[in-house]
Protein backbone atom coordinates (compact mmCIF):
# COMPACT_ATOMS: atom_id res chain seq x y z
CA UNK A 1 13.14 41.60 -2.79
CA UNK A 2 13.59 41.68 1.01
CA UNK A 3 15.85 39.13 2.69
CA UNK A 4 12.84 37.68 4.53
CA UNK A 5 10.91 37.21 1.30
CA UNK A 6 13.90 35.54 -0.30
CA UNK A 7 14.34 33.22 2.70
CA UNK A 8 10.68 32.19 2.55
CA UNK A 9 11.00 31.39 -1.14
CA UNK A 10 14.11 29.27 -0.52
CA UNK A 11 12.44 27.43 2.35
CA UNK A 12 9.39 26.64 0.21
CA UNK A 13 11.53 25.31 -2.63
CA UNK A 14 13.60 23.18 -0.27
CA UNK A 15 10.53 21.74 1.49
CA UNK A 16 9.00 20.88 -1.85
CA UNK A 17 12.17 19.03 -2.85
CA UNK A 18 12.48 17.26 0.50
CA UNK A 19 8.88 16.03 0.33
CA UNK A 20 9.31 14.88 -3.26
CA UNK A 21 12.41 12.88 -2.29
CA UNK A 22 10.76 11.49 0.88
CA UNK A 23 13.38 13.15 3.10
CA UNK A 24 10.83 13.61 5.86
CA UNK A 25 13.20 14.50 8.69
CA UNK A 26 14.65 17.28 6.58
CA UNK A 27 11.17 18.39 5.57
CA UNK A 28 10.15 18.62 9.23
CA UNK A 29 13.09 20.89 10.07
CA UNK A 30 12.41 23.13 7.08
CA UNK A 31 8.71 23.27 7.86
CA UNK A 32 9.39 24.36 11.45
CA UNK A 33 11.56 27.18 10.13
CA UNK A 34 8.95 28.23 7.56
CA UNK A 35 6.25 28.30 10.27
CA UNK A 36 8.44 30.72 12.19
CA UNK A 37 8.97 32.97 9.18
CA UNK A 38 5.53 32.79 7.54
CA UNK A 39 3.07 31.05 9.90
CA UNK A 40 -0.24 32.34 8.51
CA UNK A 41 0.36 31.85 4.80
CA UNK A 42 -1.80 29.35 2.96
CA UNK A 43 1.31 27.88 1.35
CA UNK A 44 2.78 27.09 4.77
CA UNK A 45 -0.40 25.33 5.88
CA UNK A 46 -0.48 23.34 2.65
CA UNK A 47 3.09 22.18 3.15
CA UNK A 48 2.11 21.11 6.67
CA UNK A 49 -0.81 19.11 5.28
CA UNK A 50 1.40 17.49 2.64
CA UNK A 51 3.89 16.56 5.36
CA UNK A 52 1.16 14.97 7.51
CA UNK A 53 -0.04 12.97 4.51
CA UNK A 54 3.51 11.75 3.87
CA UNK A 55 3.66 10.54 7.48
CA UNK A 56 0.21 8.90 7.06
CA UNK A 57 -1.08 10.77 10.10
CA UNK A 58 -4.56 10.59 8.66
CA UNK A 59 -6.47 12.03 11.62
CA UNK A 60 -4.27 15.12 11.92
CA UNK A 61 -4.28 15.52 8.14
CA UNK A 62 -8.08 15.39 7.97
CA UNK A 63 -8.47 18.00 10.70
CA UNK A 64 -6.11 20.38 8.93
CA UNK A 65 -7.65 19.67 5.52
CA UNK A 66 -11.12 20.58 6.78
CA UNK A 67 -9.79 23.85 8.19
CA UNK A 68 -8.11 24.70 4.91
CA UNK A 69 -11.22 23.83 2.89
CA UNK A 70 -13.15 26.39 4.94
CA UNK A 71 -10.44 29.04 4.62
CA UNK A 72 -9.46 28.45 0.98
CA UNK A 73 -12.34 26.68 -0.81
CA UNK A 74 -11.27 28.13 -4.17
CA UNK A 75 -7.70 26.82 -3.96
CA UNK A 76 -7.00 24.03 -6.41
CA UNK A 77 -4.07 22.86 -4.26
CA UNK A 78 -6.13 22.74 -1.06
CA UNK A 79 -8.84 20.71 -2.81
CA UNK A 80 -6.19 18.36 -4.21
CA UNK A 81 -4.47 17.78 -0.86
CA UNK A 82 -7.83 17.32 0.87
CA UNK A 83 -8.65 14.70 -1.76
CA UNK A 84 -5.39 12.93 -0.99
CA UNK A 85 -6.37 12.89 2.67
CA UNK A 86 -9.79 11.39 1.99
CA UNK A 87 -8.19 8.86 -0.35
CA UNK A 88 -5.76 7.85 2.39
CA UNK A 89 -8.72 7.30 4.73
CA UNK A 90 -10.51 5.27 2.02
CA UNK A 91 -13.32 7.83 1.81
CA UNK A 92 -13.31 7.59 -1.96
CA UNK A 93 -16.55 9.44 -2.73
CA UNK A 94 -15.30 12.53 -0.84
CA UNK A 95 -11.87 12.16 -2.44
CA UNK A 96 -13.38 12.11 -5.93
CA UNK A 97 -15.41 15.23 -5.15
CA UNK A 98 -12.28 17.11 -4.06
CA UNK A 99 -10.26 16.00 -7.09
CA UNK A 100 -13.05 17.05 -9.45
CA UNK A 101 -13.27 20.45 -7.75
CA UNK A 102 -9.50 20.86 -7.85
CA UNK A 103 -9.53 20.19 -11.60
CA UNK A 104 -12.46 22.56 -12.15
CA UNK A 105 -10.62 25.40 -10.40
CA UNK A 106 -7.38 24.74 -12.28
CA UNK A 107 -6.84 21.84 -14.71
CA UNK A 108 -4.06 20.12 -12.75
CA UNK A 109 -2.91 16.88 -14.35
CA UNK A 110 -2.23 15.34 -10.95
CA UNK A 111 -5.83 16.02 -9.88
CA UNK A 112 -7.02 14.16 -12.97
CA UNK A 113 -4.61 11.32 -12.28
CA UNK A 114 -5.76 10.92 -8.70
CA UNK A 115 -9.37 11.12 -9.80
CA UNK A 116 -8.68 8.19 -12.12
CA UNK A 117 -7.04 6.28 -9.29
CA UNK A 118 -10.01 7.02 -7.04
CA UNK A 119 -12.47 5.78 -9.66
CA UNK A 120 -10.42 2.56 -9.82
CA UNK A 121 -10.83 2.13 -6.07
CA UNK A 122 -14.56 2.76 -6.40
CA UNK A 123 -14.90 0.12 -9.13
CA UNK A 124 -15.86 2.76 -11.71
CA UNK A 125 -13.45 1.26 -14.21
CA UNK A 126 -14.81 2.97 -17.32
CA UNK A 127 -14.51 6.40 -15.73
CA UNK A 128 -11.03 5.56 -14.47
CA UNK A 129 -9.89 4.42 -17.89
CA UNK A 130 -11.22 7.59 -19.51
CA UNK A 131 -9.36 9.84 -17.05
CA UNK A 132 -6.07 7.95 -17.14
CA UNK A 133 -5.87 7.23 -20.87
CA UNK A 134 -6.11 10.95 -21.53
CA UNK A 135 -2.90 11.49 -19.55
CA UNK A 136 -0.77 8.44 -20.32
CA UNK A 137 0.82 9.70 -23.53
CA UNK A 138 2.08 12.87 -21.82
CA UNK A 139 2.86 11.55 -18.34
CA UNK A 140 4.50 8.13 -18.45
CA UNK A 141 3.98 7.50 -14.73
CA UNK A 142 0.25 7.18 -15.41
CA UNK A 143 0.97 3.87 -17.14
CA UNK A 144 1.50 2.44 -13.64
CA UNK A 145 -2.04 3.48 -12.73
CA UNK A 146 -3.43 2.04 -15.94
CA UNK A 147 -1.62 -1.25 -15.30
CA UNK A 148 -3.24 -1.44 -11.88
CA UNK A 149 -6.65 -0.58 -13.39
CA UNK A 150 -6.41 -3.28 -16.06
CA UNK A 151 -5.21 -5.80 -13.48
CA UNK A 152 -8.30 -5.00 -11.39
CA UNK A 153 -10.41 -5.48 -14.53
CA UNK A 154 -8.78 -8.88 -15.16
CA UNK A 155 -7.16 -7.75 -18.41
CA UNK A 156 -3.61 -8.88 -17.66
CA UNK A 157 -2.37 -8.48 -21.24
CA UNK A 158 -3.24 -4.78 -21.29
CA UNK A 159 -1.73 -4.38 -17.83
CA UNK A 160 1.55 -5.86 -19.11
CA UNK A 161 1.40 -3.56 -22.14
CA UNK A 162 1.15 -0.54 -19.81
CA UNK A 163 4.11 -1.75 -17.74
CA UNK A 164 6.11 -2.17 -20.95
CA UNK A 165 5.28 1.41 -21.94
CA UNK A 166 6.51 2.64 -18.57
CA UNK A 167 9.68 0.52 -18.66
CA UNK A 168 10.48 1.82 -22.13
CA UNK A 169 10.89 5.25 -20.53
CA UNK A 170 12.32 4.06 -17.18
CA UNK A 171 14.08 0.72 -17.89
CA UNK A 172 15.82 0.58 -14.49
CA UNK A 173 12.70 1.08 -12.33
CA UNK A 174 12.89 -1.86 -9.89
CA UNK A 175 9.24 -1.61 -8.84
CA UNK A 176 8.01 -1.71 -12.43
CA UNK A 177 10.30 -4.63 -13.30
CA UNK A 178 8.99 -6.63 -10.35
CA UNK A 179 5.40 -5.68 -11.16
CA UNK A 180 5.76 -6.80 -14.76
CA UNK A 181 7.21 -10.14 -13.67
CA UNK A 182 4.28 -10.66 -11.33
CA UNK A 183 1.75 -9.77 -14.01
CA UNK A 184 3.43 -12.11 -16.50
CA UNK A 185 3.48 -14.93 -13.95
CA UNK A 186 -0.20 -14.40 -13.18
CA UNK A 187 -0.99 -14.50 -16.91
CA UNK A 188 0.32 -18.07 -17.23
CA UNK A 189 -2.11 -20.95 -16.99
CA UNK A 190 -1.69 -23.04 -13.81
CA UNK A 191 -0.25 -26.09 -15.57
CA UNK A 192 2.42 -24.10 -17.41
CA UNK A 193 3.29 -22.25 -14.23
CA UNK A 194 3.56 -25.48 -12.24
CA UNK A 195 5.78 -27.03 -14.89
CA UNK A 196 8.09 -23.99 -14.86
CA UNK A 197 8.44 -24.05 -11.07
CA UNK A 198 8.91 -27.84 -10.98
CA UNK A 199 11.72 -27.51 -13.51
CA UNK A 200 13.43 -24.77 -11.48
CA UNK A 201 13.13 -26.89 -8.32
CA UNK A 202 14.60 -29.91 -10.07
CA UNK A 203 17.54 -27.80 -11.32
CA UNK A 204 17.95 -26.26 -7.85
CA UNK A 205 17.58 -22.79 -9.38
CA UNK A 206 16.34 -19.73 -7.53
CA UNK A 207 12.66 -18.96 -8.10
CA UNK A 208 11.71 -15.30 -8.61
CA UNK A 209 9.36 -14.08 -5.88
CA UNK A 210 6.82 -13.00 -8.50
CA UNK A 211 6.75 -16.50 -10.04
CA UNK A 212 6.59 -18.06 -6.59
CA UNK A 213 3.60 -15.92 -5.56
CA UNK A 214 1.69 -16.79 -8.71
CA UNK A 215 2.55 -20.47 -8.24
CA UNK A 216 1.24 -20.62 -4.66
CA UNK A 217 -1.83 -18.62 -5.61
CA UNK A 218 -2.54 -21.05 -8.45
CA UNK A 219 -2.14 -24.10 -6.21
CA UNK A 220 -4.54 -22.74 -3.60
CA UNK A 221 -7.10 -21.70 -6.19
CA UNK A 222 -7.06 -25.10 -7.93
CA UNK A 223 -7.48 -27.14 -4.76
CA UNK A 224 -3.88 -28.27 -4.42
CA UNK A 225 -3.43 -26.94 -0.90
CA UNK A 226 -1.39 -29.97 0.18
CA UNK A 227 1.18 -29.27 -2.50
CA UNK A 228 1.27 -25.60 -1.52
CA UNK A 229 1.68 -26.53 2.17
CA UNK A 230 4.51 -28.95 1.50
CA UNK A 231 6.28 -26.51 -0.82
CA UNK A 232 6.11 -23.61 1.68
CA UNK A 233 7.09 -25.60 4.77
CA UNK A 234 10.08 -27.17 3.03
CA UNK A 235 11.41 -23.73 2.02
CA UNK A 236 10.21 -21.52 4.87
CA UNK A 237 13.70 -20.82 6.19
CA UNK A 238 14.87 -19.60 2.77
CA UNK A 239 12.18 -16.90 2.39
CA UNK A 240 13.15 -13.32 3.11
CA UNK A 241 10.68 -11.13 4.99
CA UNK A 242 9.22 -9.61 1.83
CA UNK A 243 8.53 -12.99 0.22
CA UNK A 244 7.14 -14.49 3.44
CA UNK A 245 4.83 -11.51 3.92
CA UNK A 246 3.45 -11.55 0.39
CA UNK A 247 2.94 -15.32 0.48
CA UNK A 248 1.27 -14.94 3.87
CA UNK A 249 -1.28 -12.50 2.46
CA UNK A 250 -1.92 -14.80 -0.51
CA UNK A 251 -2.65 -17.67 1.88
CA UNK A 252 -4.70 -15.49 4.23
CA UNK A 253 -6.98 -14.15 1.51
CA UNK A 254 -7.58 -17.72 0.27
CA UNK A 255 -8.39 -18.92 3.80
CA UNK A 256 -5.31 -21.15 4.11
CA UNK A 257 -5.02 -19.80 7.64
CA UNK A 258 -2.53 -22.36 8.94
CA UNK A 259 -0.05 -21.42 6.23
CA UNK A 260 -0.76 -17.73 6.67
CA UNK A 261 0.03 -17.99 10.36
CA UNK A 262 3.31 -19.84 9.77
CA UNK A 263 4.42 -17.20 7.30
CA UNK A 264 3.21 -14.27 9.39
CA UNK A 265 4.98 -15.56 12.50
CA UNK A 266 8.23 -15.65 10.57
CA UNK A 267 8.05 -11.88 10.00
CA UNK A 268 6.32 -10.90 13.26
CA UNK A 269 9.45 -9.29 14.83
CA UNK A 270 9.55 -6.68 12.06
CA UNK A 271 5.81 -5.89 12.20
CA UNK A 272 5.07 -5.50 15.91
CA UNK A 273 3.43 -2.10 15.42
CA UNK A 274 1.37 -2.81 12.29
CA UNK A 275 -2.26 -3.00 13.36
CA UNK A 276 -3.64 -4.53 10.16
CA UNK A 277 -0.98 -7.22 10.17
CA UNK A 278 -1.51 -8.11 13.84
CA UNK A 279 -5.29 -8.21 13.46
CA UNK A 280 -4.98 -10.58 10.50
CA UNK A 281 -2.47 -12.75 12.35
CA UNK A 282 -4.89 -13.05 15.28
CA UNK A 283 -7.73 -13.95 12.90
CA UNK A 284 -5.58 -16.67 11.34
CA UNK A 285 -4.64 -18.01 14.78
CA UNK A 286 -8.30 -18.28 15.79
CA UNK A 287 -9.23 -20.06 12.57
CA UNK A 288 -6.50 -22.70 12.92
CA UNK A 289 -6.81 -23.05 16.72
CA UNK A 290 -3.36 -21.68 17.52
CA UNK A 291 -4.26 -18.79 19.79
CA UNK A 292 -2.13 -20.11 22.65
CA UNK A 293 0.89 -20.30 20.35
CA UNK A 294 0.34 -16.71 19.30
CA UNK A 295 -0.08 -15.55 22.89
CA UNK A 296 3.28 -17.17 23.66
CA UNK A 297 4.88 -15.20 20.83
CA UNK A 298 3.24 -11.99 22.03
CA UNK A 299 4.65 -12.61 25.52
CA UNK A 300 8.13 -12.94 24.01
CA UNK A 301 7.94 -9.69 22.04
CA UNK A 302 5.79 -7.56 24.37
CA UNK A 303 8.82 -6.02 26.14
CA UNK A 304 9.82 -4.59 22.75
CA UNK A 305 6.32 -3.42 21.82
CA UNK A 306 3.95 -2.54 24.68
CA UNK A 307 0.87 -2.69 22.45
CA UNK A 308 1.11 -6.48 22.53
CA UNK A 309 0.11 -6.55 26.22
CA UNK A 310 -3.27 -5.05 25.41
CA UNK A 311 -3.70 -7.18 22.30
CA UNK A 312 -2.91 -10.32 24.34
CA UNK A 313 -5.55 -9.43 26.93
CA UNK A 314 -8.16 -8.71 24.27
CA UNK A 315 -7.37 -11.90 22.36
CA UNK A 316 -7.53 -14.04 25.48
CA UNK A 317 -10.81 -12.43 26.58
CA UNK A 318 -12.31 -13.02 23.14
CA UNK A 319 -11.36 -16.69 23.15
CA UNK A 320 -12.48 -17.26 26.75
CA UNK A 321 -15.76 -15.51 26.03
CA UNK A 322 -16.46 -17.92 23.19
CA UNK A 323 -15.51 -20.92 25.30
CA UNK A 324 -17.83 -19.82 28.13
CA UNK A 325 -20.72 -19.00 25.84
CA UNK A 326 -23.73 -21.25 26.48
CA UNK A 327 -24.87 -23.00 23.28
């Protein structure tokens, strides 16, 4: 084996490990070196696509994926990575087509897993369940996908069962522990949940974020928005950014826009570049007539994030356009 061939093999193995461990800076350095040593190889281009997907650079990833699909249409890996790209862009029909083709070329378990996940996104729950159940006994991570599927289907008990199966194999997985707590909290009837939270408040005990989210969701869905408002405003300063964000989305999706705005403003400094978040914050501000307050916040943070200048102009123009519109 030549020294160059050996170097290429080492670089490929190290990039694969860096991507798997989400060490993206290291992956970038290794990828640059591999492109110098073996620029035209399909493997190099695939690593580049995987790296772009990890960075969520969806436009660049799509352009490269389409090139690779033309060059290597019979590559199971190319079809799989292209499917990941379409999935990331929420083009689920195209993603499913790529995952099916990837599996036809070579029966990759990860292609089947991602096909199941894609079917879940498409609302094809029966097809998703068929794909994922076939894998769950051999690949424990698939229980996470099944839990999400059953939660989407409204079958919380089966979702909890899947999380238990995963935690049996990985008992220290923080994400799975938190997810199970949230599922269990959501499985409780509103009265039981309210009684549990009231007891914890009376004892001055800390309330798990998962229980808190289910509690606020239950209050808003049962018409007790005043109780939810009082509870959140009294404790707003105690919420960390993660809790405030998740509660904000719960309020936003249930059209409690005044509460959503209060919670979103608390975490705004850490989300100045997140387009979806800013768009939702602006929508909440318009609904609860607090656009001027938001524009004041944007003016404060714009020196740190130049995108807020343009967003402020657009938001003001939108509001002024509505005010000047002749009935």
